[in-house]
Amino acid sequence: MLPDLSFEKEFWGFGRLVAGVDEAGRGALAGPVVAAAVVYPLGFEPDFEVYDSKTISARKREKLYEQITSACLAWAVGKADAEEIDSINILRATFRAMKIAIKNIGHLEPFCLIDGNRFDDGGIPHKTIVDGDARCFSIASASIVAKVERDRWMINVAHKLYPDYGFDHNKGYGTKQHIEKILEHHTTPLHRKTYLSKIMAIKRQTELIQ
């Protein structure tokens, strides 16, 4: 089954706008975690289908990104960088990125549907939905926007700053080639040090042996 608008309609019936909220990049070794919030108009009837961003190709995500951002009432993103992730942990950093995205559409005062099983709300009206990116149209839309925005940042910013690490291909995730580059060149300021403790321990042991 594809994500649908059943969750949104529950609140639209009371005249309440709804924001779908999701993130991208929690599992990456480098780069920010990026959250997106997407608000569709009341009674929105889509002429396109959306999917969990993890299940479709980059080309499909790019096409849907354009459709989503053209059709929605508002959308916004928030980021938490590697330093924040290392400082406060990935869960709190994800919540922070989500809150930034929600704040950027706060003038609409939407009720937020958030992917996952918990959220440090800070007073934000919300409902968490497990597997929301596979069930809820607005959350799936947010997952696509977050993924495309993050991928573009890794290509246009991270890769240009540190071309040796293949960020244009791996997007900061722990591919074999990426790990080899870390072992060869050490880390960059974009790398999440708390994610790399085992890898760097191997590097230190190798250097001692040599």
N, C-alpha and C. Protein backbone atom coordinates (compact mmCIF):
# COMPACT_ATOMS: atom_id res chain seq x y z
N MET A 1 0.83 -1.21 0.00
CA MET A 1 0.00 0.00 0.00
C MET A 1 0.86 1.26 0.00
N LEU A 2 0.43 2.25 -0.73
CA LEU A 2 1.14 3.52 -0.79
C LEU A 2 0.67 4.45 0.34
N PRO A 3 1.50 5.42 0.72
CA PRO A 3 1.05 6.41 1.70
C PRO A 3 -0.21 7.12 1.21
N ASP A 4 -1.14 7.36 2.12
CA ASP A 4 -2.38 8.05 1.73
C ASP A 4 -2.65 9.23 2.66
N LEU A 5 -3.80 9.84 2.50
CA LEU A 5 -4.14 11.06 3.23
C LEU A 5 -5.10 10.82 4.39
N SER A 6 -5.23 9.59 4.84
CA SER A 6 -6.19 9.29 5.91
C SER A 6 -5.85 10.01 7.21
N PHE A 7 -4.57 10.12 7.53
CA PHE A 7 -4.19 10.83 8.76
C PHE A 7 -4.50 12.32 8.65
N GLU A 8 -4.21 12.90 7.50
CA GLU A 8 -4.47 14.31 7.29
C GLU A 8 -5.96 14.62 7.37
N LYS A 9 -6.77 13.77 6.77
CA LYS A 9 -8.22 14.04 6.71
C LYS A 9 -8.85 14.09 8.08
N GLU A 10 -8.27 13.36 9.03
CA GLU A 10 -8.78 13.39 10.40
C GLU A 10 -8.74 14.80 10.97
N PHE A 11 -7.69 15.53 10.64
CA PHE A 11 -7.54 16.89 11.16
C PHE A 11 -8.14 17.94 10.22
N TRP A 12 -8.10 17.67 8.92
CA TRP A 12 -8.74 18.58 7.99
C TRP A 12 -10.22 18.74 8.29
N GLY A 13 -10.83 17.68 8.80
CA GLY A 13 -12.25 17.73 9.14
C GLY A 13 -12.57 18.78 10.19
N PHE A 14 -11.55 19.17 10.96
CA PHE A 14 -11.72 20.22 11.97
C PHE A 14 -11.16 21.56 11.48
N GLY A 15 -10.83 21.62 10.19
CA GLY A 15 -10.29 22.84 9.62
C GLY A 15 -8.86 23.12 10.00
N ARG A 16 -8.10 22.08 10.36
CA ARG A 16 -6.73 22.24 10.84
C ARG A 16 -5.73 21.82 9.75
N LEU A 17 -4.82 22.69 9.44
CA LEU A 17 -3.74 22.33 8.54
C LEU A 17 -2.82 21.30 9.20
N VAL A 18 -2.20 20.49 8.36
CA VAL A 18 -1.33 19.41 8.85
C VAL A 18 0.04 19.52 8.19
N ALA A 19 1.07 19.35 8.99
CA ALA A 19 2.44 19.27 8.45
C ALA A 19 2.97 17.86 8.64
N GLY A 20 3.45 17.27 7.56
CA GLY A 20 4.18 16.02 7.66
C GLY A 20 5.65 16.34 7.91
N VAL A 21 6.29 15.61 8.84
CA VAL A 21 7.66 15.91 9.22
C VAL A 21 8.49 14.63 9.21
N ASP A 22 9.64 14.68 8.56
CA ASP A 22 10.55 13.53 8.54
C ASP A 22 11.98 14.03 8.35
N GLU A 23 12.93 13.12 8.48
CA GLU A 23 14.34 13.48 8.37
C GLU A 23 15.08 12.57 7.40
N ALA A 24 16.29 12.99 7.07
CA ALA A 24 17.19 12.18 6.26
C ALA A 24 18.60 12.34 6.81
N GLY A 25 19.36 11.24 6.79
CA GLY A 25 20.77 11.32 7.15
C GLY A 25 21.12 10.88 8.55
N ARG A 26 20.21 10.24 9.26
CA ARG A 26 20.54 9.83 10.63
C ARG A 26 21.68 8.82 10.67
N GLY A 27 21.75 7.95 9.68
CA GLY A 27 22.75 6.89 9.71
C GLY A 27 24.05 7.20 9.01
N ALA A 28 24.20 8.40 8.47
CA ALA A 28 25.41 8.74 7.72
C ALA A 28 26.59 8.96 8.66
N LEU A 29 27.80 8.75 8.13
CA LEU A 29 29.02 9.01 8.89
C LEU A 29 29.45 10.46 8.81
N ALA A 30 28.94 11.18 7.82
CA ALA A 30 29.34 12.57 7.62
C ALA A 30 28.15 13.38 7.11
N GLY A 31 28.24 14.68 7.37
CA GLY A 31 27.20 15.58 6.91
C GLY A 31 26.10 15.77 7.93
N PRO A 32 25.18 16.68 7.66
CA PRO A 32 24.12 17.00 8.60
C PRO A 32 22.99 15.99 8.57
N VAL A 33 22.18 16.01 9.62
CA VAL A 33 20.86 15.40 9.55
C VAL A 33 19.92 16.52 9.13
N VAL A 34 19.07 16.24 8.16
CA VAL A 34 18.18 17.24 7.58
C VAL A 34 16.74 16.81 7.78
N ALA A 35 15.94 17.71 8.29
CA ALA A 35 14.50 17.44 8.47
C ALA A 35 13.71 18.35 7.55
N ALA A 36 12.54 17.87 7.15
CA ALA A 36 11.65 18.67 6.32
C ALA A 36 10.24 18.62 6.88
N ALA A 37 9.51 19.70 6.67
CA ALA A 37 8.09 19.77 7.02
C ALA A 37 7.34 20.21 5.77
N VAL A 38 6.26 19.51 5.47
CA VAL A 38 5.47 19.79 4.27
C VAL A 38 4.00 19.94 4.66
N VAL A 39 3.39 21.03 4.21
CA VAL A 39 1.98 21.31 4.49
C VAL A 39 1.21 21.38 3.18
N TYR A 40 0.19 20.56 3.06
CA TYR A 40 -0.69 20.63 1.90
C TYR A 40 -1.96 21.42 2.25
N PRO A 41 -2.63 21.99 1.24
CA PRO A 41 -3.87 22.72 1.50
C PRO A 41 -4.96 21.80 2.06
N LEU A 42 -5.89 22.38 2.77
CA LEU A 42 -7.04 21.61 3.25
C LEU A 42 -7.75 20.95 2.08
N GLY A 43 -8.06 19.67 2.23
CA GLY A 43 -8.78 18.94 1.20
C GLY A 43 -7.97 18.64 -0.04
N PHE A 44 -6.67 18.70 0.06
CA PHE A 44 -5.80 18.47 -1.09
C PHE A 44 -6.07 17.12 -1.73
N GLU A 45 -6.16 17.13 -3.06
CA GLU A 45 -6.35 15.90 -3.83
C GLU A 45 -5.18 15.75 -4.80
N PRO A 46 -4.21 14.92 -4.50
CA PRO A 46 -3.01 14.83 -5.33
C PRO A 46 -3.26 14.16 -6.67
N ASP A 47 -2.49 14.59 -7.67
CA ASP A 47 -2.51 13.92 -8.97
C ASP A 47 -1.20 13.17 -9.19
N PHE A 48 -0.50 12.86 -8.09
CA PHE A 48 0.72 12.07 -8.14
C PHE A 48 0.79 11.22 -6.87
N GLU A 49 1.60 10.17 -6.94
CA GLU A 49 1.79 9.29 -5.80
C GLU A 49 3.13 9.57 -5.15
N VAL A 50 3.20 9.36 -3.84
CA VAL A 50 4.47 9.51 -3.15
C VAL A 50 4.86 8.18 -2.50
N TYR A 51 6.14 8.09 -2.17
CA TYR A 51 6.69 6.85 -1.62
C TYR A 51 7.67 7.20 -0.50
N ASP A 52 7.93 6.23 0.35
CA ASP A 52 9.04 6.36 1.28
C ASP A 52 10.29 6.64 0.46
N SER A 53 11.02 7.71 0.79
CA SER A 53 12.16 8.13 -0.03
C SER A 53 13.23 7.05 -0.17
N LYS A 54 13.30 6.15 0.81
CA LYS A 54 14.34 5.11 0.77
C LYS A 54 14.05 4.04 -0.26
N THR A 55 12.83 3.98 -0.79
CA THR A 55 12.44 2.90 -1.68
C THR A 55 12.49 3.28 -3.16
N ILE A 56 12.88 4.51 -3.47
CA ILE A 56 12.85 4.95 -4.86
C ILE A 56 14.22 5.51 -5.27
N SER A 57 14.42 5.63 -6.57
CA SER A 57 15.69 6.09 -7.10
C SER A 57 15.86 7.59 -6.91
N ALA A 58 17.10 8.05 -7.03
CA ALA A 58 17.39 9.48 -6.92
C ALA A 58 16.64 10.26 -8.00
N ARG A 59 16.56 9.72 -9.20
CA ARG A 59 15.85 10.41 -10.29
C ARG A 59 14.37 10.55 -9.96
N LYS A 60 13.77 9.50 -9.41
CA LYS A 60 12.37 9.55 -9.03
C LYS A 60 12.16 10.55 -7.90
N ARG A 61 13.08 10.57 -6.93
CA ARG A 61 12.96 11.53 -5.82
C ARG A 61 13.00 12.96 -6.34
N GLU A 62 13.90 13.24 -7.28
CA GLU A 62 14.02 14.59 -7.82
C GLU A 62 12.72 15.02 -8.51
N LYS A 63 12.13 14.12 -9.26
CA LYS A 63 10.86 14.44 -9.93
C LYS A 63 9.76 14.71 -8.92
N LEU A 64 9.67 13.84 -7.90
CA LEU A 64 8.64 14.02 -6.88
C LEU A 64 8.89 15.27 -6.05
N TYR A 65 10.14 15.59 -5.81
CA TYR A 65 10.48 16.82 -5.09
C TYR A 65 9.85 18.03 -5.78
N GLU A 66 10.00 18.09 -7.09
CA GLU A 66 9.43 19.21 -7.84
C GLU A 66 7.91 19.21 -7.76
N GLN A 67 7.30 18.04 -7.84
CA GLN A 67 5.84 17.96 -7.74
C GLN A 67 5.34 18.36 -6.35
N ILE A 68 6.03 17.88 -5.34
CA ILE A 68 5.63 18.16 -3.96
C ILE A 68 5.75 19.65 -3.65
N THR A 69 6.91 20.23 -3.96
CA THR A 69 7.13 21.63 -3.60
C THR A 69 6.26 22.58 -4.44
N SER A 70 5.81 22.12 -5.61
CA SER A 70 4.89 22.93 -6.42
C SER A 70 3.45 22.83 -5.91
N ALA A 71 3.07 21.65 -5.41
CA ALA A 71 1.69 21.41 -5.03
C ALA A 71 1.37 21.80 -3.60
N CYS A 72 2.36 21.80 -2.72
CA CYS A 72 2.07 22.03 -1.31
C CYS A 72 1.81 23.50 -1.02
N LEU A 73 1.23 23.74 0.13
CA LEU A 73 0.97 25.10 0.58
C LEU A 73 2.25 25.76 1.10
N ALA A 74 3.07 24.96 1.79
CA ALA A 74 4.34 25.45 2.32
C ALA A 74 5.24 24.27 2.63
N TRP A 75 6.55 24.53 2.59
CA TRP A 75 7.51 23.52 3.00
C TRP A 75 8.75 24.22 3.56
N ALA A 76 9.47 23.52 4.41
CA ALA A 76 10.67 24.09 5.01
C ALA A 76 11.59 22.97 5.45
N VAL A 77 12.87 23.31 5.63
CA VAL A 77 13.84 22.32 6.11
C VAL A 77 14.59 22.89 7.31
N GLY A 78 15.16 21.99 8.08
CA GLY A 78 16.05 22.35 9.18
C GLY A 78 17.22 21.40 9.18
N LYS A 79 18.37 21.86 9.65
CA LYS A 79 19.58 21.04 9.66
C LYS A 79 20.23 21.05 11.03
N ALA A 80 20.89 19.95 11.36
CA ALA A 80 21.80 19.90 12.51
C ALA A 80 23.09 19.30 11.99
N ASP A 81 24.20 19.99 12.20
CA ASP A 81 25.46 19.56 11.60
C ASP A 81 26.18 18.51 12.45
N ALA A 82 27.31 18.06 11.94
CA ALA A 82 28.05 16.98 12.60
C ALA A 82 28.48 17.36 14.01
N GLU A 83 28.88 18.60 14.20
CA GLU A 83 29.31 19.05 15.53
C GLU A 83 28.15 18.96 16.53
N GLU A 84 26.96 19.37 16.11
CA GLU A 84 25.79 19.26 16.97
C GLU A 84 25.47 17.80 17.29
N ILE A 85 25.56 16.95 16.27
CA ILE A 85 25.27 15.53 16.45
C ILE A 85 26.22 14.93 17.48
N ASP A 86 27.51 15.27 17.36
CA ASP A 86 28.49 14.75 18.32
C ASP A 86 28.26 15.32 19.72
N SER A 87 27.78 16.54 19.78
CA SER A 87 27.63 17.22 21.07
C SER A 87 26.40 16.75 21.84
N ILE A 88 25.28 16.59 21.13
CA ILE A 88 24.02 16.31 21.86
C ILE A 88 23.41 14.96 21.51
N ASN A 89 23.99 14.20 20.63
CA ASN A 89 23.61 12.89 20.10
C ASN A 89 22.61 13.03 18.94
N ILE A 90 22.53 11.99 18.15
CA ILE A 90 21.77 12.05 16.90
C ILE A 90 20.28 12.22 17.13
N LEU A 91 19.73 11.62 18.19
CA LEU A 91 18.30 11.75 18.42
C LEU A 91 17.93 13.20 18.72
N ARG A 92 18.66 13.82 19.63
CA ARG A 92 18.36 15.21 19.98
C ARG A 92 18.64 16.14 18.80
N ALA A 93 19.67 15.83 18.04
CA ALA A 93 19.97 16.65 16.86
C ALA A 93 18.86 16.54 15.83
N THR A 94 18.31 15.34 15.69
CA THR A 94 17.18 15.15 14.76
C THR A 94 15.98 15.96 15.22
N PHE A 95 15.68 15.90 16.50
CA PHE A 95 14.56 16.70 17.03
C PHE A 95 14.81 18.19 16.79
N ARG A 96 16.05 18.63 16.97
CA ARG A 96 16.37 20.04 16.76
C ARG A 96 16.14 20.43 15.30
N ALA A 97 16.58 19.60 14.38
CA ALA A 97 16.37 19.89 12.96
C ALA A 97 14.87 19.93 12.63
N MET A 98 14.12 19.01 13.20
CA MET A 98 12.67 19.00 12.98
C MET A 98 12.02 20.27 13.50
N LYS A 99 12.44 20.71 14.68
CA LYS A 99 11.86 21.92 15.26
C LYS A 99 12.16 23.14 14.42
N ILE A 100 13.36 23.20 13.83
CA ILE A 100 13.70 24.31 12.95
C ILE A 100 12.78 24.32 11.72
N ALA A 101 12.60 23.14 11.12
CA ALA A 101 11.71 23.05 9.95
C ALA A 101 10.29 23.48 10.32
N ILE A 102 9.80 23.00 11.45
CA ILE A 102 8.44 23.33 11.89
C ILE A 102 8.32 24.83 12.18
N LYS A 103 9.34 25.40 12.82
CA LYS A 103 9.32 26.83 13.13
C LYS A 103 9.21 27.66 11.85
N ASN A 104 9.87 27.20 10.80
CA ASN A 104 9.88 27.95 9.54
C ASN A 104 8.53 27.96 8.82
N ILE A 105 7.61 27.10 9.25
CA ILE A 105 6.23 27.17 8.72
C ILE A 105 5.25 27.47 9.86
N GLY A 106 5.78 27.97 10.97
CA GLY A 106 4.97 28.17 12.16
C GLY A 106 3.83 29.15 12.00
N HIS A 107 3.94 30.05 11.04
CA HIS A 107 2.86 31.02 10.81
C HIS A 107 1.56 30.34 10.41
N LEU A 108 1.65 29.12 9.89
CA LEU A 108 0.45 28.38 9.49
C LEU A 108 -0.19 27.63 10.67
N GLU A 109 0.55 27.50 11.77
CA GLU A 109 0.09 26.81 12.98
C GLU A 109 -0.46 25.41 12.66
N PRO A 110 0.32 24.59 11.95
CA PRO A 110 -0.17 23.26 11.58
C PRO A 110 -0.07 22.27 12.75
N PHE A 111 -0.90 21.24 12.69
CA PHE A 111 -0.72 20.09 13.55
C PHE A 111 0.31 19.20 12.86
N CYS A 112 1.30 18.70 13.60
CA CYS A 112 2.41 17.99 12.98
C CYS A 112 2.26 16.47 13.10
N LEU A 113 2.39 15.80 11.99
CA LEU A 113 2.46 14.35 11.94
C LEU A 113 3.93 13.99 11.72
N ILE A 114 4.52 13.31 12.69
CA ILE A 114 5.97 13.11 12.71
C ILE A 114 6.32 11.64 12.61
N ASP A 115 7.23 11.33 11.72
CA ASP A 115 7.66 9.94 11.56
C ASP A 115 8.42 9.47 12.80
N GLY A 116 8.06 8.30 13.30
CA GLY A 116 8.77 7.74 14.45
C GLY A 116 7.85 7.43 15.60
N ASN A 117 8.45 7.10 16.73
CA ASN A 117 7.66 6.72 17.91
C ASN A 117 7.81 7.68 19.08
N ARG A 118 8.62 8.75 18.89
CA ARG A 118 8.76 9.75 19.94
C ARG A 118 9.23 11.06 19.36
N PHE A 119 8.96 12.14 20.12
CA PHE A 119 9.38 13.47 19.70
C PHE A 119 9.43 14.37 20.92
N ASP A 120 10.55 15.05 21.08
CA ASP A 120 10.69 16.04 22.14
C ASP A 120 10.03 17.32 21.65
N ASP A 121 8.75 17.49 21.98
CA ASP A 121 7.92 18.42 21.24
C ASP A 121 8.16 19.90 21.52
N GLY A 122 8.58 20.27 22.72
CA GLY A 122 8.73 21.68 23.03
C GLY A 122 7.44 22.44 22.89
N GLY A 123 6.32 21.76 23.15
CA GLY A 123 5.02 22.41 23.06
C GLY A 123 4.38 22.39 21.69
N ILE A 124 5.00 21.69 20.73
CA ILE A 124 4.46 21.62 19.37
C ILE A 124 3.35 20.58 19.31
N PRO A 125 2.14 20.94 18.90
CA PRO A 125 1.06 19.94 18.77
C PRO A 125 1.43 18.91 17.72
N HIS A 126 1.38 17.63 18.10
CA HIS A 126 1.87 16.63 17.15
C HIS A 126 1.33 15.25 17.47
N LYS A 127 1.53 14.36 16.51
CA LYS A 127 1.26 12.93 16.67
C LYS A 127 2.41 12.20 15.98
N THR A 128 3.01 11.23 16.66
CA THR A 128 4.06 10.43 16.02
C THR A 128 3.42 9.21 15.36
N ILE A 129 3.97 8.81 14.24
CA ILE A 129 3.45 7.67 13.48
C ILE A 129 4.61 6.76 13.11
N VAL A 130 4.61 5.57 13.65
CA VAL A 130 5.65 4.59 13.32
C VAL A 130 5.50 4.19 11.85
N ASP A 131 6.61 4.17 11.12
CA ASP A 131 6.60 3.91 9.68
C ASP A 131 5.74 4.93 8.94
N GLY A 132 5.73 6.14 9.46
CA GLY A 132 4.91 7.19 8.86
C GLY A 132 5.27 7.49 7.42
N ASP A 133 6.55 7.33 7.06
CA ASP A 133 6.96 7.60 5.68
C ASP A 133 6.41 6.58 4.70
N ALA A 134 5.94 5.46 5.19
CA ALA A 134 5.31 4.44 4.33
C ALA A 134 3.79 4.48 4.41
N ARG A 135 3.24 5.31 5.31
CA ARG A 135 1.79 5.29 5.57
C ARG A 135 1.09 6.62 5.33
N CYS A 136 1.79 7.70 5.55
CA CYS A 136 1.18 9.03 5.55
C CYS A 136 1.72 9.87 4.40
N PHE A 137 0.82 10.41 3.59
CA PHE A 137 1.21 11.15 2.39
C PHE A 137 2.12 12.34 2.72
N SER A 138 1.76 13.11 3.74
CA SER A 138 2.54 14.29 4.07
C SER A 138 3.91 13.92 4.63
N ILE A 139 3.99 12.87 5.44
CA ILE A 139 5.28 12.44 5.98
C ILE A 139 6.16 11.89 4.85
N ALA A 140 5.58 11.09 3.96
CA ALA A 140 6.34 10.58 2.82
C ALA A 140 6.87 11.73 1.98
N SER A 141 6.05 12.76 1.81
CA SER A 141 6.48 13.95 1.06
C SER A 141 7.65 14.61 1.75
N ALA A 142 7.57 14.73 3.08
CA ALA A 142 8.67 15.33 3.84
C ALA A 142 9.93 14.49 3.74
N SER A 143 9.77 13.17 3.71
CA SER A 143 10.95 12.30 3.61
C SER A 143 11.67 12.53 2.29
N ILE A 144 10.91 12.76 1.22
CA ILE A 144 11.50 13.01 -0.09
C ILE A 144 12.19 14.37 -0.13
N VAL A 145 11.53 15.39 0.40
CA VAL A 145 12.12 16.73 0.42
C VAL A 145 13.41 16.73 1.25
N ALA A 146 13.37 16.09 2.42
CA ALA A 146 14.56 16.05 3.28
C ALA A 146 15.71 15.33 2.59
N LYS A 147 15.41 14.21 1.95
CA LYS A 147 16.45 13.43 1.28
C LYS A 147 17.06 14.19 0.12
N VAL A 148 16.24 14.82 -0.70
CA VAL A 148 16.76 15.57 -1.85
C VAL A 148 17.58 16.77 -1.38
N GLU A 149 17.06 17.50 -0.40
CA GLU A 149 17.80 18.65 0.11
C GLU A 149 19.15 18.22 0.68
N ARG A 150 19.18 17.12 1.43
CA ARG A 150 20.44 16.65 2.00
C ARG A 150 21.41 16.18 0.91
N ASP A 151 20.90 15.41 -0.04
CA ASP A 151 21.76 14.92 -1.12
C ASP A 151 22.37 16.08 -1.90
N ARG A 152 21.56 17.11 -2.16
CA ARG A 152 22.07 18.26 -2.89
C ARG A 152 23.17 18.97 -2.09
N TRP A 153 22.99 19.05 -0.77
CA TRP A 153 24.02 19.67 0.07
C TRP A 153 25.31 18.87 0.04
N MET A 154 25.18 17.55 0.10
CA MET A 154 26.39 16.71 0.08
C MET A 154 27.12 16.83 -1.25
N ILE A 155 26.38 17.01 -2.34
CA ILE A 155 27.00 17.14 -3.67
C ILE A 155 27.57 18.53 -3.88
N ASN A 156 26.78 19.56 -3.56
CA ASN A 156 27.15 20.93 -3.91
C ASN A 156 28.03 21.63 -2.88
N VAL A 157 28.00 21.16 -1.64
CA VAL A 157 28.80 21.78 -0.59
C VAL A 157 29.89 20.83 -0.10
N ALA A 158 29.47 19.68 0.45
CA ALA A 158 30.45 18.77 1.06
C ALA A 158 31.47 18.27 0.05
N HIS A 159 31.01 17.84 -1.11
CA HIS A 159 31.94 17.29 -2.11
C HIS A 159 32.92 18.34 -2.60
N LYS A 160 32.46 19.58 -2.75
CA LYS A 160 33.35 20.64 -3.23
C LYS A 160 34.39 21.00 -2.17
N LEU A 161 34.00 20.88 -0.89
CA LEU A 161 34.95 21.17 0.18
C LEU A 161 35.98 20.05 0.33
N TYR A 162 35.51 18.81 0.18
CA TYR A 162 36.38 17.64 0.43
C TYR A 162 36.18 16.61 -0.68
N PRO A 163 36.70 16.87 -1.86
CA PRO A 163 36.44 16.00 -3.02
C PRO A 163 37.03 14.60 -2.91
N ASP A 164 37.99 14.39 -2.02
CA ASP A 164 38.63 13.08 -1.93
C ASP A 164 37.72 12.00 -1.33
N TYR A 165 36.64 12.39 -0.69
CA TYR A 165 35.84 11.43 0.06
C TYR A 165 34.63 10.87 -0.70
N GLY A 166 34.42 11.33 -1.90
CA GLY A 166 33.33 10.79 -2.71
C GLY A 166 31.94 11.12 -2.19
N PHE A 167 31.80 12.29 -1.55
CA PHE A 167 30.50 12.66 -1.00
C PHE A 167 29.42 12.82 -2.07
N ASP A 168 29.83 13.07 -3.31
CA ASP A 168 28.84 13.19 -4.39
C ASP A 168 28.20 11.85 -4.72
N HIS A 169 28.87 10.76 -4.33
CA HIS A 169 28.33 9.43 -4.57
C HIS A 169 27.78 8.78 -3.29
N ASN A 170 28.57 8.83 -2.21
CA ASN A 170 28.14 8.11 -1.00
C ASN A 170 27.25 8.94 -0.08
N LYS A 171 27.18 10.25 -0.32
CA LYS A 171 26.34 11.18 0.48
C LYS A 171 26.67 11.11 1.96
N GLY A 172 27.88 10.67 2.29
CA GLY A 172 28.31 10.61 3.68
C GLY A 172 28.06 9.29 4.36
N TYR A 173 27.45 8.36 3.66
CA TYR A 173 27.16 7.05 4.28
C TYR A 173 28.41 6.16 4.24
N GLY A 174 28.39 5.11 5.04
CA GLY A 174 29.58 4.29 5.28
C GLY A 174 29.85 3.24 4.23
N THR A 175 30.04 3.65 3.00
CA THR A 175 30.41 2.71 1.96
C THR A 175 31.85 2.25 2.17
N LYS A 176 32.21 1.16 1.51
CA LYS A 176 33.58 0.64 1.62
C LYS A 176 34.60 1.69 1.19
N GLN A 177 34.31 2.35 0.08
CA GLN A 177 35.24 3.35 -0.44
C GLN A 177 35.36 4.54 0.50
N HIS A 178 34.24 4.94 1.11
CA HIS A 178 34.27 6.07 2.04
C HIS A 178 35.13 5.73 3.26
N ILE A 179 34.94 4.55 3.81
CA ILE A 179 35.72 4.14 4.98
C ILE A 179 37.20 4.06 4.63
N GLU A 180 37.51 3.57 3.45
CA GLU A 180 38.91 3.51 3.01
C GLU A 180 39.52 4.92 2.94
N LYS A 181 38.73 5.88 2.47
CA LYS A 181 39.22 7.26 2.38
C LYS A 181 39.43 7.86 3.77
N ILE A 182 38.56 7.50 4.72
CA ILE A 182 38.74 7.97 6.10
C ILE A 182 40.03 7.43 6.67
N LEU A 183 40.28 6.14 6.44
CA LEU A 183 41.50 5.52 6.94
C LEU A 183 42.75 6.10 6.27
N GLU A 184 42.59 6.51 5.02
CA GLU A 184 43.72 7.07 4.27
C GLU A 184 43.98 8.54 4.63
N HIS A 185 42.92 9.33 4.72
CA HIS A 185 43.07 10.77 4.86
C HIS A 185 42.67 11.31 6.23
N HIS A 186 42.20 10.46 7.13
CA HIS A 186 41.64 10.88 8.42
C HIS A 186 40.27 11.52 8.18
N THR A 187 39.74 12.19 9.19
CA THR A 187 38.39 12.73 9.09
C THR A 187 38.41 14.20 8.71
N THR A 188 37.22 14.71 8.37
CA THR A 188 37.03 16.14 8.08
C THR A 188 36.12 16.73 9.15
N PRO A 189 35.95 18.04 9.18
CA PRO A 189 34.99 18.63 10.11
C PRO A 189 33.54 18.21 9.84
N LEU A 190 33.29 17.63 8.69
CA LEU A 190 31.94 17.17 8.37
C LEU A 190 31.65 15.78 8.92
N HIS A 191 32.68 15.08 9.38
CA HIS A 191 32.48 13.72 9.89
C HIS A 191 31.99 13.74 11.34
N ARG A 192 31.15 12.77 11.65
CA ARG A 192 30.61 12.62 13.00
C ARG A 192 31.57 11.75 13.80
N LYS A 193 32.33 12.38 14.66
CA LYS A 193 33.39 11.67 15.38
C LYS A 193 32.84 10.54 16.24
N THR A 194 31.67 10.74 16.83
CA THR A 194 31.08 9.69 17.68
C THR A 194 30.68 8.47 16.87
N TYR A 195 30.50 8.63 15.57
CA TYR A 195 30.17 7.50 14.71
C TYR A 195 31.41 6.73 14.27
N LEU A 196 32.58 7.34 14.44
CA LEU A 196 33.79 6.81 13.81
C LEU A 196 34.80 6.27 14.81
N SER A 197 34.40 6.07 16.04
CA SER A 197 35.36 5.66 17.07
C SER A 197 36.01 4.32 16.74
N LYS A 198 35.25 3.36 16.25
CA LYS A 198 35.81 2.06 15.92
C LYS A 198 36.75 2.15 14.72
N ILE A 199 36.34 2.92 13.73
CA ILE A 199 37.16 3.06 12.53
C ILE A 199 38.48 3.73 12.88
N MET A 200 38.42 4.79 13.69
CA MET A 200 39.64 5.51 14.04
C MET A 200 40.52 4.69 14.97
N ALA A 201 39.94 3.81 15.77
CA ALA A 201 40.73 2.91 16.61
C ALA A 201 41.54 1.96 15.75
N ILE A 202 40.93 1.47 14.68
CA ILE A 202 41.64 0.60 13.73
C ILE A 202 42.79 1.36 13.08
N LYS A 203 42.53 2.62 12.72
CA LYS A 203 43.58 3.44 12.10
C LYS A 203 44.75 3.63 13.07
N ARG A 204 44.45 3.91 14.33
CA ARG A 204 45.52 4.14 15.31
C ARG A 204 46.34 2.87 15.53
N GLN A 205 45.65 1.72 15.59
CA GLN A 205 46.35 0.45 15.76
C GLN A 205 47.27 0.17 14.57
N THR A 206 46.79 0.46 13.38
CA THR A 206 47.58 0.26 12.15
C THR A 206 48.83 1.14 12.17
N GLU A 207 48.65 2.39 12.61
CA GLU A 207 49.77 3.31 12.64
C GLU A 207 50.81 2.86 13.67
N LEU A 208 50.34 2.30 14.78
CA LEU A 208 51.28 1.82 15.80
C LEU A 208 52.09 0.62 15.29
N ILE A 209 51.41 -0.25 14.57
CA ILE A 209 52.09 -1.43 14.01
C ILE A 209 53.15 -1.01 13.00
N GLN A 210 52.78 -0.01 12.19
CA GLN A 210 53.73 0.46 11.18
C GLN A 210 54.90 1.18 11.81
